[in-house]
PDB file of N, CA and C in Angstrom:
ATOM      1  N   MET A   1     161.067 -18.557 159.472  1.00  0.00           N
ATOM      2  CA  MET A   1     162.132 -18.450 158.492  1.00  0.00           C
ATOM      3  C   MET A   1     161.791 -17.329 157.508  1.00  0.00           C
ATOM      4  N   ALA A   2     162.636 -16.380 157.298  1.00  0.00           N
ATOM      5  CA  ALA A   2     162.418 -15.270 156.410  1.00  0.00           C
ATOM      6  C   ALA A   2     162.812 -15.654 154.989  1.00  0.00           C
ATOM      7  N   MET A   3     162.050 -15.206 153.996  1.00  0.00           N
ATOM      8  CA  MET A   3     162.336 -15.505 152.639  1.00  0.00           C
ATOM      9  C   MET A   3     163.094 -14.286 152.064  1.00  0.00           C
ATOM     10  N   GLU A   4     164.211 -14.571 151.437  1.00  0.00           N
ATOM     11  CA  GLU A   4     165.038 -13.488 150.841  1.00  0.00           C
ATOM     12  C   GLU A   4     164.550 -13.298 149.440  1.00  0.00           C
ATOM     13  N   GLU A   5     164.327 -12.025 149.091  1.00  0.00           N
ATOM     14  CA  GLU A   5     163.893 -11.662 147.736  1.00  0.00           C
ATOM     15  C   GLU A   5     165.096 -11.150 146.980  1.00  0.00           C
ATOM     16  N   THR A   6     165.439 -11.819 145.877  1.00  0.00           N
ATOM     17  CA  THR A   6     166.589 -11.396 145.085  1.00  0.00           C
ATOM     18  C   THR A   6     166.169 -10.433 143.974  1.00  0.00           C
ATOM     19  N   ALA A   7     167.130  -9.731 143.412  1.00  0.00           N
ATOM     20  CA  ALA A   7     166.859  -8.809 142.315  1.00  0.00           C
ATOM     21  C   ALA A   7     166.269  -9.555 141.131  1.00  0.00           C
ATOM     22  N   GLU A   8     166.736 -10.798 140.924  1.00  0.00           N
ATOM     23  CA  GLU A   8     166.239 -11.624 139.809  1.00  0.00           C
ATOM     24  C   GLU A   8     164.739 -11.972 140.044  1.00  0.00           C
ATOM     25  N   THR A   9     164.377 -12.344 141.256  1.00  0.00           N
ATOM     26  CA  THR A   9     163.012 -12.653 141.581  1.00  0.00           C
ATOM     27  C   THR A   9     162.117 -11.413 141.344  1.00  0.00           C
ATOM     28  N   VAL A  10     162.565 -10.250 141.805  1.00  0.00           N
ATOM     29  CA  VAL A  10     161.815  -9.027 141.637  1.00  0.00           C
ATOM     30  C   VAL A  10     161.636  -8.700 140.176  1.00  0.00           C
ATOM     31  N   ALA A  11     162.707  -8.841 139.370  1.00  0.00           N
ATOM     32  CA  ALA A  11     162.623  -8.533 137.965  1.00  0.00           C
ATOM     33  C   ALA A  11     161.686  -9.461 137.236  1.00  0.00           C
ATOM     34  N   THR A  12     161.742 -10.768 137.554  1.00  0.00           N
ATOM     35  CA  THR A  12     160.830 -11.741 136.983  1.00  0.00           C
ATOM     36  C   THR A  12     159.395 -11.463 137.341  1.00  0.00           C
ATOM     37  N   THR A  13     159.117 -11.153 138.593  1.00  0.00           N
ATOM     38  CA  THR A  13     157.780 -10.827 139.034  1.00  0.00           C
ATOM     39  C   THR A  13     157.260  -9.575 138.376  1.00  0.00           C
ATOM     40  N   ASP A  14     158.134  -8.517 138.301  1.00  0.00           N
ATOM     41  CA  ASP A  14     157.736  -7.282 137.671  1.00  0.00           C
ATOM     42  C   ASP A  14     157.397  -7.472 136.183  1.00  0.00           C
ATOM     43  N   ALA A  15     158.182  -8.298 135.491  1.00  0.00           N
ATOM     44  CA  ALA A  15     157.928  -8.558 134.081  1.00  0.00           C
ATOM     45  C   ALA A  15     156.629  -9.308 133.896  1.00  0.00           C
ATOM     46  N   ALA A  16     156.324 -10.240 134.736  1.00  0.00           N
ATOM     47  CA  ALA A  16     155.051 -10.994 134.676  1.00  0.00           C
ATOM     48  C   ALA A  16     153.895 -10.039 134.960  1.00  0.00           C
ATOM     49  N   ASN A  17     154.029  -9.178 135.918  1.00  0.00           N
ATOM     50  CA  ASN A  17     152.953  -8.220 136.244  1.00  0.00           C
ATOM     51  C   ASN A  17     152.746  -7.216 135.111  1.00  0.00           C
ATOM     52  N   ALA A  18     153.795  -6.817 134.479  1.00  0.00           N
ATOM     53  CA  ALA A  18     153.702  -5.862 133.352  1.00  0.00           C
ATOM     54  C   ALA A  18     152.980  -6.523 132.154  1.00  0.00           C
ATOM     55  N   THR A  19     153.299  -7.815 131.910  1.00  0.00           N
ATOM     56  CA  THR A  19     152.623  -8.539 130.855  1.00  0.00           C
ATOM     57  C   THR A  19     151.125  -8.652 131.151  1.00  0.00           C
ATOM     58  N   GLU A  20     150.788  -9.016 132.369  1.00  0.00           N
ATOM     59  CA  GLU A  20     149.372  -9.128 132.745  1.00  0.00           C
ATOM     60  C   GLU A  20     148.680  -7.804 132.612  1.00  0.00           C
ATOM     61  N   ALA A  21     149.332  -6.723 133.067  1.00  0.00           N
ATOM     62  CA  ALA A  21     148.718  -5.407 133.000  1.00  0.00           C
ATOM     63  C   ALA A  21     148.534  -4.952 131.567  1.00  0.00           C
ATOM     64  N   ALA A  22     149.420  -5.352 130.653  1.00  0.00           N
ATOM     65  CA  ALA A  22     149.297  -4.992 129.266  1.00  0.00           C
ATOM     66  C   ALA A  22     148.079  -5.638 128.597  1.00  0.00           C
ATOM     67  N   ASP A  23     147.664  -6.772 129.141  1.00  0.00           N
ATOM     68  CA  ASP A  23     146.510  -7.455 128.584  1.00  0.00           C
ATOM     69  C   ASP A  23     145.170  -6.833 128.918  1.00  0.00           C
ATOM     70  N   VAL A  24     145.130  -6.018 129.979  1.00  0.00           N
ATOM     71  CA  VAL A  24     143.903  -5.352 130.408  1.00  0.00           C
ATOM     72  C   VAL A  24     144.172  -3.880 130.260  1.00  0.00           C
ATOM     73  N   THR A  25     143.321  -3.180 129.486  1.00  0.00           N
ATOM     74  CA  THR A  25     143.508  -1.768 129.236  1.00  0.00           C
ATOM     75  C   THR A  25     142.299  -1.004 129.682  1.00  0.00           C
ATOM     76  N   ALA A  26     142.530   0.134 130.376  1.00  0.00           N
ATOM     77  CA  ALA A  26     141.465   1.045 130.740  1.00  0.00           C
ATOM     78  C   ALA A  26     141.401   2.158 129.710  1.00  0.00           C
ATOM     79  N   THR A  27     140.283   2.269 129.050  1.00  0.00           N
ATOM     80  CA  THR A  27     140.087   3.317 128.037  1.00  0.00           C
ATOM     81  C   THR A  27     138.826   4.116 128.420  1.00  0.00           C
ATOM     82  N   ALA A  28     139.023   5.375 128.629  1.00  0.00           N
ATOM     83  CA  ALA A  28     137.913   6.284 128.986  1.00  0.00           C
ATOM     84  C   ALA A  28     137.080   5.711 130.147  1.00  0.00           C
ATOM     85  N   GLY A  29     137.788   5.153 131.159  1.00  0.00           N
ATOM     86  CA  GLY A  29     137.116   4.646 132.318  1.00  0.00           C
ATOM     87  C   GLY A  29     136.608   3.234 132.181  1.00  0.00           C
ATOM     88  N   ALA A  30     136.622   2.650 130.964  1.00  0.00           N
ATOM     89  CA  ALA A  30     136.155   1.269 130.782  1.00  0.00           C
ATOM     90  C   ALA A  30     137.357   0.346 130.626  1.00  0.00           C
ATOM     91  N   ILE A  31     137.345  -0.745 131.376  1.00  0.00           N
ATOM     92  CA  ILE A  31     138.414  -1.748 131.237  1.00  0.00           C
ATOM     93  C   ILE A  31     138.062  -2.626 130.046  1.00  0.00           C
ATOM     94  N   THR A  32     139.054  -2.892 129.203  1.00  0.00           N
ATOM     95  CA  THR A  32     138.808  -3.796 128.067  1.00  0.00           C
ATOM     96  C   THR A  32     139.762  -4.994 128.153  1.00  0.00           C
ATOM     97  N   TYR A  33     139.329  -6.098 127.573  1.00  0.00           N
ATOM     98  CA  TYR A  33     140.101  -7.333 127.577  1.00  0.00           C
ATOM     99  C   TYR A  33     140.296  -7.791 126.132  1.00  0.00           C
ATOM    100  N   PRO A  34     141.435  -8.425 125.821  1.00  0.00           N
ATOM    101  CA  PRO A  34     141.659  -8.893 124.476  1.00  0.00           C
ATOM    102  C   PRO A  34     140.931 -10.198 124.172  1.00  0.00           C
ATOM    103  N   THR A  35     140.416 -10.297 122.932  1.00  0.00           N
ATOM    104  CA  THR A  35     139.846 -11.604 122.511  1.00  0.00           C
ATOM    105  C   THR A  35     141.029 -12.435 122.063  1.00  0.00           C
ATOM    106  N   ALA A  36     140.769 -13.732 121.897  1.00  0.00           N
ATOM    107  CA  ALA A  36     141.825 -14.682 121.535  1.00  0.00           C
ATOM    108  C   ALA A  36     142.409 -14.298 120.153  1.00  0.00           C
ATOM    109  N   SER A  37     143.702 -14.199 120.167  1.00  0.00           N
ATOM    110  CA  SER A  37     144.438 -13.887 118.928  1.00  0.00           C
ATOM    111  C   SER A  37     144.165 -14.945 117.847  1.00  0.00           C
ATOM    112  N   GLY A  38     143.928 -14.507 116.643  1.00  0.00           N
ATOM    113  CA  GLY A  38     143.707 -15.425 115.546  1.00  0.00           C
ATOM    114  C   GLY A  38     142.273 -15.946 115.457  1.00  0.00           C
ATOM    115  N   TYR A  39     141.361 -15.374 116.216  1.00  0.00           N
ATOM    116  CA  TYR A  39     139.931 -15.756 116.175  1.00  0.00           C
ATOM    117  C   TYR A  39     139.043 -14.623 115.877  1.00  0.00           C
ATOM    118  N   GLN A  40     138.050 -14.839 115.050  1.00  0.00           N
ATOM    119  CA  GLN A  40     136.936 -13.898 114.865  1.00  0.00           C
ATOM    120  C   GLN A  40     135.873 -14.431 115.808  1.00  0.00           C
ATOM    121  N   VAL A  41     135.484 -13.687 116.843  1.00  0.00           N
ATOM    122  CA  VAL A  41     134.663 -14.182 117.886  1.00  0.00           C
ATOM    123  C   VAL A  41     133.173 -13.814 117.625  1.00  0.00           C
ATOM    124  N   ASN A  42     132.308 -14.856 117.699  1.00  0.00           N
ATOM    125  CA  ASN A  42     130.878 -14.613 117.572  1.00  0.00           C
ATOM    126  C   ASN A  42     130.326 -13.939 118.799  1.00  0.00           C
ATOM    127  N   VAL A  43     129.498 -12.914 118.551  1.00  0.00           N
ATOM    128  CA  VAL A  43     128.757 -12.216 119.595  1.00  0.00           C
ATOM    129  C   VAL A  43     127.330 -12.675 119.485  1.00  0.00           C
ATOM    130  N   ARG A  44     126.780 -13.203 120.603  1.00  0.00           N
ATOM    131  CA  ARG A  44     125.419 -13.787 120.556  1.00  0.00           C
ATOM    132  C   ARG A  44     124.446 -12.982 121.400  1.00  0.00           C
ATOM    133  N   SER A  45     123.194 -13.213 121.132  1.00  0.00           N
ATOM    134  CA  SER A  45     122.142 -12.434 121.816  1.00  0.00           C
ATOM    135  C   SER A  45     121.906 -12.913 123.262  1.00  0.00           C
ATOM    136  N   GLY A  46     122.457 -14.069 123.619  1.00  0.00           N
ATOM    137  CA  GLY A  46     122.339 -14.605 124.957  1.00  0.00           C
ATOM    138  C   GLY A  46     123.501 -15.509 125.265  1.00  0.00           C
ATOM    139  N   PRO A  47     123.571 -16.045 126.501  1.00  0.00           N
ATOM    140  CA  PRO A  47     124.715 -16.801 126.950  1.00  0.00           C
ATOM    141  C   PRO A  47     124.702 -18.280 126.523  1.00  0.00           C
ATOM    142  N   GLY A  48     124.773 -18.528 125.195  1.00  0.00           N
ATOM    143  CA  GLY A  48     124.830 -19.901 124.686  1.00  0.00           C
ATOM    144  C   GLY A  48     124.865 -19.919 123.183  1.00  0.00           C
ATOM    145  N   THR A  49     125.352 -20.989 122.620  1.00  0.00           N
ATOM    146  CA  THR A  49     125.435 -21.075 121.143  1.00  0.00           C
ATOM    147  C   THR A  49     124.075 -21.285 120.500  1.00  0.00           C
ATOM    148  N   ASN A  50     123.043 -21.518 121.266  1.00  0.00           N
ATOM    149  CA  ASN A  50     121.691 -21.607 120.714  1.00  0.00           C
ATOM    150  C   ASN A  50     121.084 -20.236 120.464  1.00  0.00           C
ATOM    151  N   HIS A  51     121.752 -19.183 120.973  1.00  0.00           N
ATOM    152  CA  HIS A  51     121.253 -17.818 120.732  1.00  0.00           C
ATOM    153  C   HIS A  51     121.854 -17.345 119.402  1.00  0.00           C
ATOM    154  N   ARG A  52     121.116 -16.427 118.730  1.00  0.00           N
ATOM    155  CA  ARG A  52     121.544 -15.987 117.427  1.00  0.00           C
ATOM    156  C   ARG A  52     122.806 -15.146 117.491  1.00  0.00           C
ATOM    157  N   VAL A  53     123.629 -15.204 116.426  1.00  0.00           N
ATOM    158  CA  VAL A  53     124.801 -14.389 116.290  1.00  0.00           C
ATOM    159  C   VAL A  53     124.367 -13.019 115.868  1.00  0.00           C
ATOM    160  N   VAL A  54     124.722 -12.008 116.672  1.00  0.00           N
ATOM    161  CA  VAL A  54     124.326 -10.612 116.349  1.00  0.00           C
ATOM    162  C   VAL A  54     125.427  -9.873 115.592  1.00  0.00           C
ATOM    163  N   LYS A  55     126.652 -10.335 115.757  1.00  0.00           N
ATOM    164  CA  LYS A  55     127.786  -9.758 114.984  1.00  0.00           C
ATOM    165  C   LYS A  55     129.001 -10.675 115.215  1.00  0.00           C
ATOM    166  N   VAL A  56     130.005 -10.466 114.428  1.00  0.00           N
ATOM    167  CA  VAL A  56     131.279 -11.183 114.577  1.00  0.00           C
ATOM    168  C   VAL A  56     132.380 -10.119 114.799  1.00  0.00           C
ATOM    169  N   LEU A  57     133.159 -10.320 115.875  1.00  0.00           N
ATOM    170  CA  LEU A  57     134.213  -9.410 116.197  1.00  0.00           C
ATOM    171  C   LEU A  57     135.426  -9.705 115.311  1.00  0.00           C
ATOM    172  N   PRO A  58     136.068  -8.683 114.819  1.00  0.00           N
ATOM    173  CA  PRO A  58     137.266  -8.899 113.984  1.00  0.00           C
ATOM    174  C   PRO A  58     138.423  -9.480 114.810  1.00  0.00           C
ATOM    175  N   TYR A  59     139.471  -9.958 114.123  1.00  0.00           N
ATOM    176  CA  TYR A  59     140.657 -10.429 114.833  1.00  0.00           C
ATOM    177  C   TYR A  59     141.231  -9.368 115.727  1.00  0.00           C
ATOM    178  N   ASN A  60     141.790  -9.826 116.868  1.00  0.00           N
ATOM    179  CA  ASN A  60     142.526  -8.969 117.792  1.00  0.00           C
ATOM    180  C   ASN A  60     141.687  -7.785 118.335  1.00  0.00           C
ATOM    181  N   THR A  61     140.463  -8.040 118.699  1.00  0.00           N
ATOM    182  CA  THR A  61     139.594  -7.044 119.238  1.00  0.00           C
ATOM    183  C   THR A  61     139.721  -6.968 120.778  1.00  0.00           C
ATOM    184  N   ARG A  62     139.476  -5.812 121.335  1.00  0.00           N
ATOM    185  CA  ARG A  62     139.406  -5.659 122.805  1.00  0.00           C
ATOM    186  C   ARG A  62     137.964  -5.381 123.134  1.00  0.00           C
ATOM    187  N   VAL A  63     137.489  -5.988 124.215  1.00  0.00           N
ATOM    188  CA  VAL A  63     136.050  -5.791 124.604  1.00  0.00           C
ATOM    189  C   VAL A  63     135.938  -5.359 126.067  1.00  0.00           C
ATOM    190  N   PRO A  64     134.937  -4.512 126.331  1.00  0.00           N
ATOM    191  CA  PRO A  64     134.582  -4.219 127.720  1.00  0.00           C
ATOM    192  C   PRO A  64     133.728  -5.356 128.233  1.00  0.00           C
ATOM    193  N   ILE A  65     133.781  -5.635 129.523  1.00  0.00           N
ATOM    194  CA  ILE A  65     132.880  -6.623 130.106  1.00  0.00           C
ATOM    195  C   ILE A  65     131.990  -5.906 131.106  1.00  0.00           C
ATOM    196  N   ARG A  66     130.716  -5.709 130.739  1.00  0.00           N
ATOM    197  CA  ARG A  66     129.747  -4.996 131.580  1.00  0.00           C
ATOM    198  C   ARG A  66     129.361  -5.829 132.799  1.00  0.00           C
ATOM    199  N   CYS A  67     129.111  -7.107 132.540  1.00  0.00           N
ATOM    200  CA  CYS A  67     128.727  -8.039 133.576  1.00  0.00           C
ATOM    201  C   CYS A  67     128.919  -9.455 133.032  1.00  0.00           C
ATOM    202  N   GLN A  68     128.797 -10.465 133.871  1.00  0.00           N
ATOM    203  CA  GLN A  68     128.997 -11.842 133.437  1.00  0.00           C
ATOM    204  C   GLN A  68     127.863 -12.705 134.008  1.00  0.00           C
ATOM    205  N   ARG A  69     127.626 -13.823 133.272  1.00  0.00           N
ATOM    206  CA  ARG A  69     126.589 -14.765 133.749  1.00  0.00           C
ATOM    207  C   ARG A  69     126.971 -16.192 133.332  1.00  0.00           C
ATOM    208  N   HIS A  70     126.371 -17.145 134.009  1.00  0.00           N
ATOM    209  CA  HIS A  70     126.588 -18.526 133.618  1.00  0.00           C
ATOM    210  C   HIS A  70     125.628 -18.894 132.477  1.00  0.00           C
ATOM    211  N   GLY A  71     126.114 -19.748 131.609  1.00  0.00           N
ATOM    212  CA  GLY A  71     125.290 -20.194 130.474  1.00  0.00           C
ATOM    213  C   GLY A  71     125.823 -21.528 129.959  1.00  0.00           C
ATOM    214  N   GLU A  72     125.745 -21.718 128.654  1.00  0.00           N
ATOM    215  CA  GLU A  72     126.233 -22.945 128.033  1.00  0.00           C
ATOM    216  C   GLU A  72     127.753 -23.076 128.215  1.00  0.00           C
ATOM    217  N   LYS A  73     128.234 -24.293 128.489  1.00  0.00           N
ATOM    218  CA  LYS A  73     129.653 -24.534 128.623  1.00  0.00           C
ATOM    219  C   LYS A  73     130.295 -24.588 127.212  1.00  0.00           C
ATOM    220  N   VAL A  74     131.358 -23.855 127.034  1.00  0.00           N
ATOM    221  CA  VAL A  74     132.055 -23.746 125.742  1.00  0.00           C
ATOM    222  C   VAL A  74     133.540 -23.955 125.984  1.00  0.00           C
ATOM    223  N   SER A  75     134.192 -24.630 125.003  1.00  0.00           N
ATOM    224  CA  SER A  75     135.648 -24.766 125.042  1.00  0.00           C
ATOM    225  C   SER A  75     136.284 -23.826 123.990  1.00  0.00           C
ATOM    226  N   GLY A  76     137.397 -23.181 124.403  1.00  0.00           N
ATOM    227  CA  GLY A  76     138.075 -22.270 123.488  1.00  0.00           C
ATOM    228  C   GLY A  76     139.541 -22.165 123.870  1.00  0.00           C
ATOM    229  N   PRO A  77     140.216 -21.192 123.341  1.00  0.00           N
ATOM    230  CA  PRO A  77     141.651 -21.039 123.582  1.00  0.00           C
ATOM    231  C   PRO A  77     142.000 -20.824 125.045  1.00  0.00           C
ATOM    232  N   TYR A  78     141.069 -20.295 125.840  1.00  0.00           N
ATOM    233  CA  TYR A  78     141.341 -19.993 127.225  1.00  0.00           C
ATOM    234  C   TYR A  78     140.618 -21.048 128.187  1.00  0.00           C
ATOM    235  N   GLY A  79     140.394 -22.237 127.654  1.00  0.00           N
ATOM    236  CA  GLY A  79     139.824 -23.277 128.462  1.00  0.00           C
ATOM    237  C   GLY A  79     138.341 -23.534 128.188  1.00  0.00           C
ATOM    238  N   THR A  80     137.750 -24.346 129.091  1.00  0.00           N
ATOM    239  CA  THR A  80     136.337 -24.662 129.025  1.00  0.00           C
ATOM    240  C   THR A  80     135.632 -23.978 130.157  1.00  0.00           C
ATOM    241  N   THR A  81     134.536 -23.261 129.846  1.00  0.00           N
ATOM    242  CA  THR A  81     133.880 -22.448 130.841  1.00  0.00           C
ATOM    243  C   THR A  81     132.394 -22.301 130.508  1.00  0.00           C
ATOM    244  N   ASP A  82     131.593 -22.045 131.514  1.00  0.00           N
ATOM    245  CA  ASP A  82     130.182 -21.686 131.299  1.00  0.00           C
ATOM    246  C   ASP A  82     129.956 -20.221 131.560  1.00  0.00           C
ATOM    247  N   ILE A  83     131.012 -19.445 131.670  1.00  0.00           N
ATOM    248  CA  ILE A  83     130.894 -17.985 131.906  1.00  0.00           C
ATOM    249  C   ILE A  83     130.791 -17.275 130.561  1.00  0.00           C
ATOM    250  N   TRP A  84     129.809 -16.384 130.458  1.00  0.00           N
ATOM    251  CA  TRP A  84     129.588 -15.555 129.289  1.00  0.00           C
ATOM    252  C   TRP A  84     129.720 -14.116 129.705  1.00  0.00           C
ATOM    253  N   ASP A  85     130.434 -13.327 128.870  1.00  0.00           N
ATOM    254  CA  ASP A  85     130.664 -11.921 129.127  1.00  0.00           C
ATOM    255  C   ASP A  85     129.710 -11.038 128.344  1.00  0.00           C
ATOM    256  N   SER A  86     129.008 -10.162 129.031  1.00  0.00           N
ATOM    257  CA  SER A  86     128.127  -9.232 128.341  1.00  0.00           C
ATOM    258  C   SER A  86     128.992  -8.030 127.952  1.00  0.00           C
ATOM    259  N   ILE A  87     129.119  -7.769 126.650  1.00  0.00           N
ATOM    260  CA  ILE A  87     129.952  -6.696 126.175  1.00  0.00           C
ATOM    261  C   ILE A  87     129.129  -5.446 125.819  1.00  0.00           C
ATOM    262  N   ALA A  88     127.820  -5.586 125.743  1.00  0.00           N
ATOM    263  CA  ALA A  88     126.844  -4.525 125.456  1.00  0.00           C
ATOM    264  C   ALA A  88     125.484  -5.147 125.740  1.00  0.00           C
ATOM    265  N   PRO A  89     124.467  -4.315 125.889  1.00  0.00           N
ATOM    266  CA  PRO A  89     123.129  -4.879 126.102  1.00  0.00           C
ATOM    267  C   PRO A  89     122.749  -5.873 125.004  1.00  0.00           C
ATOM    268  N   GLY A  90     122.401  -7.086 125.400  1.00  0.00           N
ATOM    269  CA  GLY A  90     121.983  -8.120 124.447  1.00  0.00           C
ATOM    270  C   GLY A  90     123.105  -8.715 123.629  1.00  0.00           C
ATOM    271  N   GLN A  91     124.382  -8.528 124.062  1.00  0.00           N
ATOM    272  CA  GLN A  91     125.541  -9.019 123.326  1.00  0.00           C
ATOM    273  C   GLN A  91     126.446  -9.785 124.279  1.00  0.00           C
ATOM    274  N   TYR A  92     126.640 -11.106 123.998  1.00  0.00           N
ATOM    275  CA  TYR A  92     127.463 -11.950 124.863  1.00  0.00           C
ATOM    276  C   TYR A  92     128.546 -12.707 124.073  1.00  0.00           C
ATOM    277  N   VAL A  93     129.709 -12.845 124.665  1.00  0.00           N
ATOM    278  CA  VAL A  93     130.742 -13.681 124.127  1.00  0.00           C
ATOM    279  C   VAL A  93     131.188 -14.679 125.174  1.00  0.00           C
ATOM    280  N   SER A  94     131.544 -15.863 124.746  1.00  0.00           N
ATOM    281  CA  SER A  94     132.025 -16.832 125.742  1.00  0.00           C
ATOM    282  C   SER A  94     133.347 -16.391 126.334  1.00  0.00           C
ATOM    283  N   ASP A  95     133.500 -16.522 127.616  1.00  0.00           N
ATOM    284  CA  ASP A  95     134.726 -16.142 128.306  1.00  0.00           C
ATOM    285  C   ASP A  95     135.879 -17.050 127.875  1.00  0.00           C
ATOM    286  N   ALA A  96     135.609 -18.167 127.229  1.00  0.00           N
ATOM    287  CA  ALA A  96     136.656 -19.039 126.695  1.00  0.00           C
ATOM    288  C   ALA A  96     137.445 -18.375 125.562  1.00  0.00           C
ATOM    289  N   TYR A  97     136.926 -17.267 125.031  1.00  0.00           N
ATOM    290  CA  TYR A  97     137.561 -16.530 123.929  1.00  0.00           C
ATOM    291  C   TYR A  97     138.035 -15.134 124.356  1.00  0.00           C
ATOM    292  N   VAL A  98     137.979 -14.840 125.675  1.00  0.00           N
ATOM    293  CA  VAL A  98     138.414 -13.536 126.165  1.00  0.00           C
ATOM    294  C   VAL A  98     139.447 -13.755 127.241  1.00  0.00           C
ATOM    295  N   ARG A  99     140.594 -13.036 127.075  1.00  0.00           N
ATOM    296  CA  ARG A  99     141.681 -13.246 128.065  1.00  0.00           C
ATOM    297  C   ARG A  99     141.477 -12.303 129.255  1.00  0.00           C
ATOM    298  N   THR A 100     140.848 -12.855 130.296  1.00  0.00           N
ATOM    299  CA  THR A 100     140.589 -12.034 131.491  1.00  0.00           C
ATOM    300  C   THR A 100     141.659 -12.283 132.575  1.00  0.00           C
ATOM    301  N   GLY A 101     142.419 -13.361 132.410  1.00  0.00           N
ATOM    302  CA  GLY A 101     143.411 -13.699 133.439  1.00  0.00           C
ATOM    303  C   GLY A 101     142.815 -14.404 134.615  1.00  0.00           C
ATOM    304  N   SER A 102     141.561 -14.862 134.496  1.00  0.00           N
ATOM    305  CA  SER A 102     140.884 -15.498 135.629  1.00  0.00           C
ATOM    306  C   SER A 102     139.965 -16.624 135.087  1.00  0.00           C
ATOM    307  N   ASP A 103     139.783 -17.642 135.906  1.00  0.00           N
ATOM    308  CA  ASP A 103     138.832 -18.721 135.578  1.00  0.00           C
ATOM    309  C   ASP A 103     137.447 -18.397 136.145  1.00  0.00           C
ATOM    310  N   GLY A 104     137.326 -17.330 136.899  1.00  0.00           N
ATOM    311  CA  GLY A 104     136.067 -16.923 137.489  1.00  0.00           C
ATOM    312  C   GLY A 104     135.604 -15.582 136.979  1.00  0.00           C
ATOM    313  N   PHE A 105     134.600 -15.008 137.670  1.00  0.00           N
ATOM    314  CA  PHE A 105     134.086 -13.696 137.288  1.00  0.00           C
ATOM    315  C   PHE A 105     135.151 -12.637 137.529  1.00  0.00           C
ATOM    316  N   VAL A 106     135.248 -11.648 136.656  1.00  0.00           N
ATOM    317  CA  VAL A 106     136.156 -10.515 136.827  1.00  0.00           C
ATOM    318  C   VAL A 106     135.361  -9.228 137.087  1.00  0.00           C
ATOM    319  N   THR A 107     134.019  -9.343 137.039  1.00  0.00           N
ATOM    320  CA  THR A 107     133.148  -8.203 137.294  1.00  0.00           C
ATOM    321  C   THR A 107     131.847  -8.727 137.908  1.00  0.00           C
ATOM    322  N   VAL A 108     130.853  -7.860 137.978  1.00  0.00           N
ATOM    323  CA  VAL A 108     129.591  -8.186 138.622  1.00  0.00           C
ATOM    324  C   VAL A 108     128.771  -9.145 137.809  1.00  0.00           C
ATOM    325  N   PRO A 109     127.926  -9.997 138.477  1.00  0.00           N
ATOM    326  CA  PRO A 109     127.013 -10.822 137.733  1.00  0.00           C
ATOM    327  C   PRO A 109     125.947  -9.987 137.049  1.00  0.00           C
ATOM    328  N   CYS A 110     125.510 -10.445 135.899  1.00  0.00           N
ATOM    329  CA  CYS A 110     124.424  -9.745 135.191  1.00  0.00           C
ATOM    330  C   CYS A 110     123.106  -9.924 135.985  1.00  0.00           C
ATOM    331  N   GLY A 111     122.326  -8.873 136.063  1.00  0.00           N
ATOM    332  CA  GLY A 111     121.085  -8.900 136.856  1.00  0.00           C
ATOM    333  C   GLY A 111     119.999  -9.493 136.099  1.00  0.00           C
TER     334      GLY A 111
END
């Protein structure tokens, strides 16, 4: 049985894809992802809240994700996860505060 695609279906799908694409931006070759709106996100020295805070990201920041690793489970605006995003050497943010559009890894595991 063939599925008929209507103009409305295509328009809805295109709008959803455009919204998703707007959330991920490539800048100078680096893909960046938005942090949760309305939150100042703690950047830690390792993948857990037991690691020291090295800085606090301002509201509405975009971050590159160099690699990801499993660590302490954290709950945030984007769910509960044990994935931590490395945004720079020795700097990690919980994936629960970064809108990646995925519940899994979106890049390579940290070595």
